Amino acid sequence: MLILFPYLGIFIYLVSQHRGMAERQNQRVQQARDELRHVVGFSVADELEKLERLKNSGTISSEEYQRLRTRAVQ
C-alpha cells in the first residue's frame, strides 16, 4: 500500500495538471521562436516575403505556401 501512494499521487497530478503543462510548453516554444527570430534578425514579414518569392517562382506549391505561411505567422 505504501508503494502505491506515491504513484497514485503522481498520476493524479499529471491528470489534473496536463492542460497547464501543455500551455506552459507552448508558451516556451513561442518564446524560443521569438528569441531566435530576434537573434537571427528575421521577422515574420521577411519570412512571408521569401515564401511569396518561392511560390511565384514555382519552387513550392500553393498548398505548401499556405502551410508554411500559417506556420510562420504563429
PDB file of N, CA and C in Angstrom:
ATOM      1  N   MET A   1       0.814  -1.181   0.000  1.00  0.00           N
ATOM      2  CA  MET A   1       0.000   0.000   0.000  1.00  0.00           C
ATOM      3  C   MET A   1       0.870   1.263   0.000  1.00  0.00           C
ATOM      4  N   LEU A   2       1.963   1.259   0.761  1.00  0.00           N
ATOM      5  CA  LEU A   2       2.846   2.416   0.814  1.00  0.00           C
ATOM      6  C   LEU A   2       3.539   2.659  -0.519  1.00  0.00           C
ATOM      7  N   ILE A   3       3.748   1.616  -1.276  1.00  0.00           N
ATOM      8  CA  ILE A   3       4.380   1.752  -2.585  1.00  0.00           C
ATOM      9  C   ILE A   3       3.407   2.365  -3.588  1.00  0.00           C
ATOM     10  N   LEU A   4       2.139   2.123  -3.428  1.00  0.00           N
ATOM     11  CA  LEU A   4       1.119   2.590  -4.360  1.00  0.00           C
ATOM     12  C   LEU A   4       0.829   4.084  -4.218  1.00  0.00           C
ATOM     13  N   PHE A   5       0.890   4.655  -3.031  1.00  0.00           N
ATOM     14  CA  PHE A   5       0.528   6.047  -2.800  1.00  0.00           C
ATOM     15  C   PHE A   5       1.361   7.052  -3.610  1.00  0.00           C
ATOM     16  N   PRO A   6       2.681   6.937  -3.665  1.00  0.00           N
ATOM     17  CA  PRO A   6       3.435   7.903  -4.474  1.00  0.00           C
ATOM     18  C   PRO A   6       3.047   7.856  -5.956  1.00  0.00           C
ATOM     19  N   TYR A   7       2.853   6.667  -6.497  1.00  0.00           N
ATOM     20  CA  TYR A   7       2.466   6.551  -7.901  1.00  0.00           C
ATOM     21  C   TYR A   7       1.065   7.102  -8.130  1.00  0.00           C
ATOM     22  N   LEU A   8       0.187   6.878  -7.199  1.00  0.00           N
ATOM     23  CA  LEU A   8      -1.165   7.405  -7.287  1.00  0.00           C
ATOM     24  C   LEU A   8      -1.137   8.936  -7.242  1.00  0.00           C
ATOM     25  N   GLY A   9      -0.319   9.483  -6.393  1.00  0.00           N
ATOM     26  CA  GLY A   9      -0.175  10.939  -6.309  1.00  0.00           C
ATOM     27  C   GLY A   9       0.361  11.534  -7.599  1.00  0.00           C
ATOM     28  N   ILE A  10       1.358  10.898  -8.178  1.00  0.00           N
ATOM     29  CA  ILE A  10       1.921  11.364  -9.453  1.00  0.00           C
ATOM     30  C   ILE A  10       0.868  11.287 -10.550  1.00  0.00           C
ATOM     31  N   PHE A  11       0.130  10.206 -10.603  1.00  0.00           N
ATOM     32  CA  PHE A  11      -0.916  10.033 -11.607  1.00  0.00           C
ATOM     33  C   PHE A  11      -1.985  11.112 -11.467  1.00  0.00           C
ATOM     34  N   ILE A  12      -2.429  11.378 -10.250  1.00  0.00           N
ATOM     35  CA  ILE A  12      -3.449  12.408 -10.022  1.00  0.00           C
ATOM     36  C   ILE A  12      -2.921  13.786 -10.443  1.00  0.00           C
ATOM     37  N   TYR A  13      -1.661  14.070 -10.117  1.00  0.00           N
ATOM     38  CA  TYR A  13      -1.061  15.344 -10.508  1.00  0.00           C
ATOM     39  C   TYR A  13      -1.027  15.483 -12.023  1.00  0.00           C
ATOM     40  N   LEU A  14      -0.577  14.463 -12.728  1.00  0.00           N
ATOM     41  CA  LEU A  14      -0.492  14.530 -14.185  1.00  0.00           C
ATOM     42  C   LEU A  14      -1.858  14.702 -14.828  1.00  0.00           C
ATOM     43  N   VAL A  15      -2.845  13.998 -14.319  1.00  0.00           N
ATOM     44  CA  VAL A  15      -4.189  14.109 -14.878  1.00  0.00           C
ATOM     45  C   VAL A  15      -4.765  15.494 -14.623  1.00  0.00           C
ATOM     46  N   SER A  16      -4.555  16.033 -13.449  1.00  0.00           N
ATOM     47  CA  SER A  16      -5.160  17.323 -13.108  1.00  0.00           C
ATOM     48  C   SER A  16      -4.399  18.505 -13.710  1.00  0.00           C
ATOM     49  N   GLN A  17      -3.122  18.343 -14.021  1.00  0.00           N
ATOM     50  CA  GLN A  17      -2.312  19.465 -14.495  1.00  0.00           C
ATOM     51  C   GLN A  17      -1.908  19.380 -15.962  1.00  0.00           C
ATOM     52  N   HIS A  18      -2.415  18.418 -16.700  1.00  0.00           N
ATOM     53  CA  HIS A  18      -1.941  18.225 -18.072  1.00  0.00           C
ATOM     54  C   HIS A  18      -2.177  19.442 -18.951  1.00  0.00           C
ATOM     55  N   ARG A  19      -3.310  20.115 -18.808  1.00  0.00           N
ATOM     56  CA  ARG A  19      -3.610  21.281 -19.650  1.00  0.00           C
ATOM     57  C   ARG A  19      -2.636  22.415 -19.342  1.00  0.00           C
ATOM     58  N   GLY A  20      -2.373  22.657 -18.095  1.00  0.00           N
ATOM     59  CA  GLY A  20      -1.436  23.712 -17.713  1.00  0.00           C
ATOM     60  C   GLY A  20      -0.028  23.432 -18.205  1.00  0.00           C
ATOM     61  N   MET A  21       0.381  22.155 -18.148  1.00  0.00           N
ATOM     62  CA  MET A  21       1.719  21.799 -18.631  1.00  0.00           C
ATOM     63  C   MET A  21       1.822  22.032 -20.131  1.00  0.00           C
ATOM     64  N   ALA A  22       0.777  21.681 -20.873  1.00  0.00           N
ATOM     65  CA  ALA A  22       0.787  21.871 -22.326  1.00  0.00           C
ATOM     66  C   ALA A  22       0.822  23.353 -22.674  1.00  0.00           C
ATOM     67  N   GLU A  23       0.065  24.163 -21.944  1.00  0.00           N
ATOM     68  CA  GLU A  23       0.063  25.600 -22.201  1.00  0.00           C
ATOM     69  C   GLU A  23       1.429  26.219 -21.904  1.00  0.00           C
ATOM     70  N   ARG A  24       2.047  25.808 -20.798  1.00  0.00           N
ATOM     71  CA  ARG A  24       3.385  26.327 -20.472  1.00  0.00           C
ATOM     72  C   ARG A  24       4.400  25.906 -21.519  1.00  0.00           C
ATOM     73  N   GLN A  25       4.290  24.676 -22.014  1.00  0.00           N
ATOM     74  CA  GLN A  25       5.208  24.205 -23.054  1.00  0.00           C
ATOM     75  C   GLN A  25       5.020  25.028 -24.332  1.00  0.00           C
ATOM     76  N   ASN A  26       3.774  25.297 -24.710  1.00  0.00           N
ATOM     77  CA  ASN A  26       3.510  26.105 -25.901  1.00  0.00           C
ATOM     78  C   ASN A  26       4.060  27.517 -25.741  1.00  0.00           C
ATOM     79  N   GLN A  27       3.938  28.074 -24.558  1.00  0.00           N
ATOM     80  CA  GLN A  27       4.489  29.410 -24.304  1.00  0.00           C
ATOM     81  C   GLN A  27       6.009  29.409 -24.417  1.00  0.00           C
ATOM     82  N   ARG A  28       6.645  28.361 -23.899  1.00  0.00           N
ATOM     83  CA  ARG A  28       8.111  28.267 -24.001  1.00  0.00           C
ATOM     84  C   ARG A  28       8.551  28.130 -25.452  1.00  0.00           C
ATOM     85  N   VAL A  29       7.821  27.359 -26.229  1.00  0.00           N
ATOM     86  CA  VAL A  29       8.159  27.186 -27.646  1.00  0.00           C
ATOM     87  C   VAL A  29       8.016  28.511 -28.384  1.00  0.00           C
ATOM     88  N   GLN A  30       6.923  29.221 -28.143  1.00  0.00           N
ATOM     89  CA  GLN A  30       6.711  30.518 -28.796  1.00  0.00           C
ATOM     90  C   GLN A  30       7.788  31.511 -28.390  1.00  0.00           C
ATOM     91  N   GLN A  31       8.155  31.519 -27.111  1.00  0.00           N
ATOM     92  CA  GLN A  31       9.195  32.426 -26.640  1.00  0.00           C
ATOM     93  C   GLN A  31      10.535  32.094 -27.296  1.00  0.00           C
ATOM     94  N   ALA A  32      10.840  30.815 -27.423  1.00  0.00           N
ATOM     95  CA  ALA A  32      12.093  30.410 -28.066  1.00  0.00           C
ATOM     96  C   ALA A  32      12.099  30.829 -29.532  1.00  0.00           C
ATOM     97  N   ARG A  33      10.950  30.674 -30.209  1.00  0.00           N
ATOM     98  CA  ARG A  33      10.849  31.108 -31.613  1.00  0.00           C
ATOM     99  C   ARG A  33      11.083  32.603 -31.737  1.00  0.00           C
ATOM    100  N   ASP A  34      10.449  33.367 -30.866  1.00  0.00           N
ATOM    101  CA  ASP A  34      10.608  34.816 -30.913  1.00  0.00           C
ATOM    102  C   ASP A  34      12.048  35.229 -30.647  1.00  0.00           C
ATOM    103  N   GLU A  35      12.692  34.586 -29.675  1.00  0.00           N
ATOM    104  CA  GLU A  35      14.091  34.894 -29.377  1.00  0.00           C
ATOM    105  C   GLU A  35      14.985  34.540 -30.561  1.00  0.00           C
ATOM    106  N   LEU A  36      14.714  33.420 -31.194  1.00  0.00           N
ATOM    107  CA  LEU A  36      15.517  33.019 -32.353  1.00  0.00           C
ATOM    108  C   LEU A  36      15.346  34.010 -33.496  1.00  0.00           C
ATOM    109  N   ARG A  37      14.122  34.430 -33.739  1.00  0.00           N
ATOM    110  CA  ARG A  37      13.889  35.427 -34.794  1.00  0.00           C
ATOM    111  C   ARG A  37      14.617  36.721 -34.479  1.00  0.00           C
ATOM    112  N   HIS A  38      14.637  37.092 -33.206  1.00  0.00           N
ATOM    113  CA  HIS A  38      15.308  38.320 -32.809  1.00  0.00           C
ATOM    114  C   HIS A  38      16.817  38.196 -33.007  1.00  0.00           C
ATOM    115  N   VAL A  39      17.386  37.072 -32.616  1.00  0.00           N
ATOM    116  CA  VAL A  39      18.831  36.861 -32.726  1.00  0.00           C
ATOM    117  C   VAL A  39      19.259  36.756 -34.189  1.00  0.00           C
ATOM    118  N   VAL A  40      18.500  35.999 -34.967  1.00  0.00           N
ATOM    119  CA  VAL A  40      18.855  35.793 -36.366  1.00  0.00           C
ATOM    120  C   VAL A  40      18.576  37.049 -37.176  1.00  0.00           C
ATOM    121  N   GLY A  41      17.581  37.799 -36.771  1.00  0.00           N
ATOM    122  CA  GLY A  41      17.283  39.039 -37.467  1.00  0.00           C
ATOM    123  C   GLY A  41      16.194  38.908 -38.508  1.00  0.00           C
ATOM    124  N   PHE A  42      15.510  37.790 -38.551  1.00  0.00           N
ATOM    125  CA  PHE A  42      14.428  37.607 -39.495  1.00  0.00           C
ATOM    126  C   PHE A  42      13.117  37.940 -38.818  1.00  0.00           C
ATOM    127  N   SER A  43      12.300  38.665 -39.510  1.00  0.00           N
ATOM    128  CA  SER A  43      10.972  38.943 -38.984  1.00  0.00           C
ATOM    129  C   SER A  43       9.967  38.087 -39.744  1.00  0.00           C
ATOM    130  N   VAL A  44       8.755  38.084 -39.278  1.00  0.00           N
ATOM    131  CA  VAL A  44       7.694  37.338 -39.955  1.00  0.00           C
ATOM    132  C   VAL A  44       7.506  37.891 -41.364  1.00  0.00           C
ATOM    133  N   ALA A  45       7.610  39.209 -41.506  1.00  0.00           N
ATOM    134  CA  ALA A  45       7.451  39.826 -42.823  1.00  0.00           C
ATOM    135  C   ALA A  45       8.530  39.336 -43.789  1.00  0.00           C
ATOM    136  N   ASP A  46       9.764  39.184 -43.303  1.00  0.00           N
ATOM    137  CA  ASP A  46      10.839  38.662 -44.145  1.00  0.00           C
ATOM    138  C   ASP A  46      10.542  37.236 -44.595  1.00  0.00           C
ATOM    139  N   GLU A  47      10.062  36.431 -43.658  1.00  0.00           N
ATOM    140  CA  GLU A  47       9.744  35.037 -43.992  1.00  0.00           C
ATOM    141  C   GLU A  47       8.608  34.965 -45.007  1.00  0.00           C
ATOM    142  N   LEU A  48       7.591  35.806 -44.830  1.00  0.00           N
ATOM    143  CA  LEU A  48       6.474  35.805 -45.775  1.00  0.00           C
ATOM    144  C   LEU A  48       6.916  36.267 -47.158  1.00  0.00           C
ATOM    145  N   GLU A  49       7.811  37.220 -47.213  1.00  0.00           N
ATOM    146  CA  GLU A  49       8.337  37.691 -48.496  1.00  0.00           C
ATOM    147  C   GLU A  49       9.101  36.568 -49.210  1.00  0.00           C
ATOM    148  N   LYS A  50       9.907  35.839 -48.475  1.00  0.00           N
ATOM    149  CA  LYS A  50      10.645  34.712 -49.062  1.00  0.00           C
ATOM    150  C   LYS A  50       9.695  33.642 -49.563  1.00  0.00           C
ATOM    151  N   LEU A  51       8.669  33.336 -48.770  1.00  0.00           N
ATOM    152  CA  LEU A  51       7.695  32.334 -49.197  1.00  0.00           C
ATOM    153  C   LEU A  51       6.971  32.774 -50.461  1.00  0.00           C
ATOM    154  N   GLU A  52       6.629  34.057 -50.553  1.00  0.00           N
ATOM    155  CA  GLU A  52       5.955  34.583 -51.740  1.00  0.00           C
ATOM    156  C   GLU A  52       6.850  34.431 -52.975  1.00  0.00           C
ATOM    157  N   ARG A  53       8.134  34.724 -52.823  1.00  0.00           N
ATOM    158  CA  ARG A  53       9.071  34.560 -53.949  1.00  0.00           C
ATOM    159  C   ARG A  53       9.170  33.099 -54.375  1.00  0.00           C
ATOM    160  N   LEU A  54       9.225  32.199 -53.396  1.00  0.00           N
ATOM    161  CA  LEU A  54       9.303  30.775 -53.722  1.00  0.00           C
ATOM    162  C   LEU A  54       8.042  30.304 -54.437  1.00  0.00           C
ATOM    163  N   LYS A  55       6.898  30.777 -54.007  1.00  0.00           N
ATOM    164  CA  LYS A  55       5.639  30.391 -54.650  1.00  0.00           C
ATOM    165  C   LYS A  55       5.571  30.934 -56.071  1.00  0.00           C
ATOM    166  N   ASN A  56       5.953  32.199 -56.251  1.00  0.00           N
ATOM    167  CA  ASN A  56       5.902  32.818 -57.583  1.00  0.00           C
ATOM    168  C   ASN A  56       6.887  32.178 -58.562  1.00  0.00           C
ATOM    169  N   SER A  57       8.001  31.683 -58.045  1.00  0.00           N
ATOM    170  CA  SER A  57       8.982  31.047 -58.928  1.00  0.00           C
ATOM    171  C   SER A  57       8.615  29.596 -59.227  1.00  0.00           C
ATOM    172  N   GLY A  58       7.617  29.074 -58.530  1.00  0.00           N
ATOM    173  CA  GLY A  58       7.181  27.696 -58.776  1.00  0.00           C
ATOM    174  C   GLY A  58       7.954  26.664 -57.966  1.00  0.00           C
ATOM    175  N   THR A  59       8.783  27.109 -57.054  1.00  0.00           N
ATOM    176  CA  THR A  59       9.565  26.190 -56.230  1.00  0.00           C
ATOM    177  C   THR A  59       8.685  25.430 -55.253  1.00  0.00           C
ATOM    178  N   ILE A  60       7.668  26.114 -54.712  1.00  0.00           N
ATOM    179  CA  ILE A  60       6.739  25.450 -53.806  1.00  0.00           C
ATOM    180  C   ILE A  60       5.319  25.607 -54.341  1.00  0.00           C
ATOM    181  N   SER A  61       4.462  24.677 -53.992  1.00  0.00           N
ATOM    182  CA  SER A  61       3.074  24.715 -54.444  1.00  0.00           C
ATOM    183  C   SER A  61       2.264  25.686 -53.572  1.00  0.00           C
ATOM    184  N   SER A  62       1.060  25.982 -54.027  1.00  0.00           N
ATOM    185  CA  SER A  62       0.183  26.873 -53.264  1.00  0.00           C
ATOM    186  C   SER A  62      -0.187  26.270 -51.916  1.00  0.00           C
ATOM    187  N   GLU A  63      -0.395  24.942 -51.892  1.00  0.00           N
ATOM    188  CA  GLU A  63      -0.732  24.285 -50.641  1.00  0.00           C
ATOM    189  C   GLU A  63       0.421  24.372 -49.653  1.00  0.00           C
ATOM    190  N   GLU A  64       1.621  24.136 -50.160  1.00  0.00           N
ATOM    191  CA  GLU A  64       2.789  24.215 -49.286  1.00  0.00           C
ATOM    192  C   GLU A  64       3.009  25.651 -48.816  1.00  0.00           C
ATOM    193  N   TYR A  65       2.761  26.599 -49.696  1.00  0.00           N
ATOM    194  CA  TYR A  65       2.867  28.009 -49.330  1.00  0.00           C
ATOM    195  C   TYR A  65       1.919  28.340 -48.179  1.00  0.00           C
ATOM    196  N   GLN A  66       0.671  27.901 -48.289  1.00  0.00           N
ATOM    197  CA  GLN A  66      -0.311  28.173 -47.233  1.00  0.00           C
ATOM    198  C   GLN A  66       0.105  27.538 -45.911  1.00  0.00           C
ATOM    199  N   ARG A  67       0.589  26.302 -45.980  1.00  0.00           N
ATOM    200  CA  ARG A  67       1.011  25.605 -44.766  1.00  0.00           C
ATOM    201  C   ARG A  67       2.183  26.315 -44.102  1.00  0.00           C
ATOM    202  N   LEU A  68       3.191  26.696 -44.890  1.00  0.00           N
ATOM    203  CA  LEU A  68       4.366  27.369 -44.344  1.00  0.00           C
ATOM    204  C   LEU A  68       4.025  28.788 -43.863  1.00  0.00           C
ATOM    205  N   ARG A  69       3.124  29.443 -44.567  1.00  0.00           N
ATOM    206  CA  ARG A  69       2.707  30.795 -44.167  1.00  0.00           C
ATOM    207  C   ARG A  69       1.993  30.738 -42.813  1.00  0.00           C
ATOM    208  N   THR A  70       1.122  29.765 -42.656  1.00  0.00           N
ATOM    209  CA  THR A  70       0.404  29.611 -41.386  1.00  0.00           C
ATOM    210  C   THR A  70       1.392  29.363 -40.262  1.00  0.00           C
ATOM    211  N   ARG A  71       2.390  28.524 -40.519  1.00  0.00           N
ATOM    212  CA  ARG A  71       3.382  28.224 -39.504  1.00  0.00           C
ATOM    213  C   ARG A  71       4.246  29.448 -39.166  1.00  0.00           C
ATOM    214  N   ALA A  72       4.564  30.254 -40.167  1.00  0.00           N
ATOM    215  CA  ALA A  72       5.399  31.433 -39.928  1.00  0.00           C
ATOM    216  C   ALA A  72       4.654  32.495 -39.130  1.00  0.00           C
ATOM    217  N   VAL A  73       3.369  32.607 -39.344  1.00  0.00           N
ATOM    218  CA  VAL A  73       2.586  33.633 -38.660  1.00  0.00           C
ATOM    219  C   VAL A  73       2.350  33.282 -37.206  1.00  0.00           C
ATOM    220  N   GLN A  74       2.329  32.006 -36.877  1.00  0.00           N
ATOM    221  CA  GLN A  74       2.066  31.586 -35.490  1.00  0.00           C
ATOM    222  C   GLN A  74       3.115  32.070 -34.577  1.00  0.00           C
TER     223      GLN A  74
END
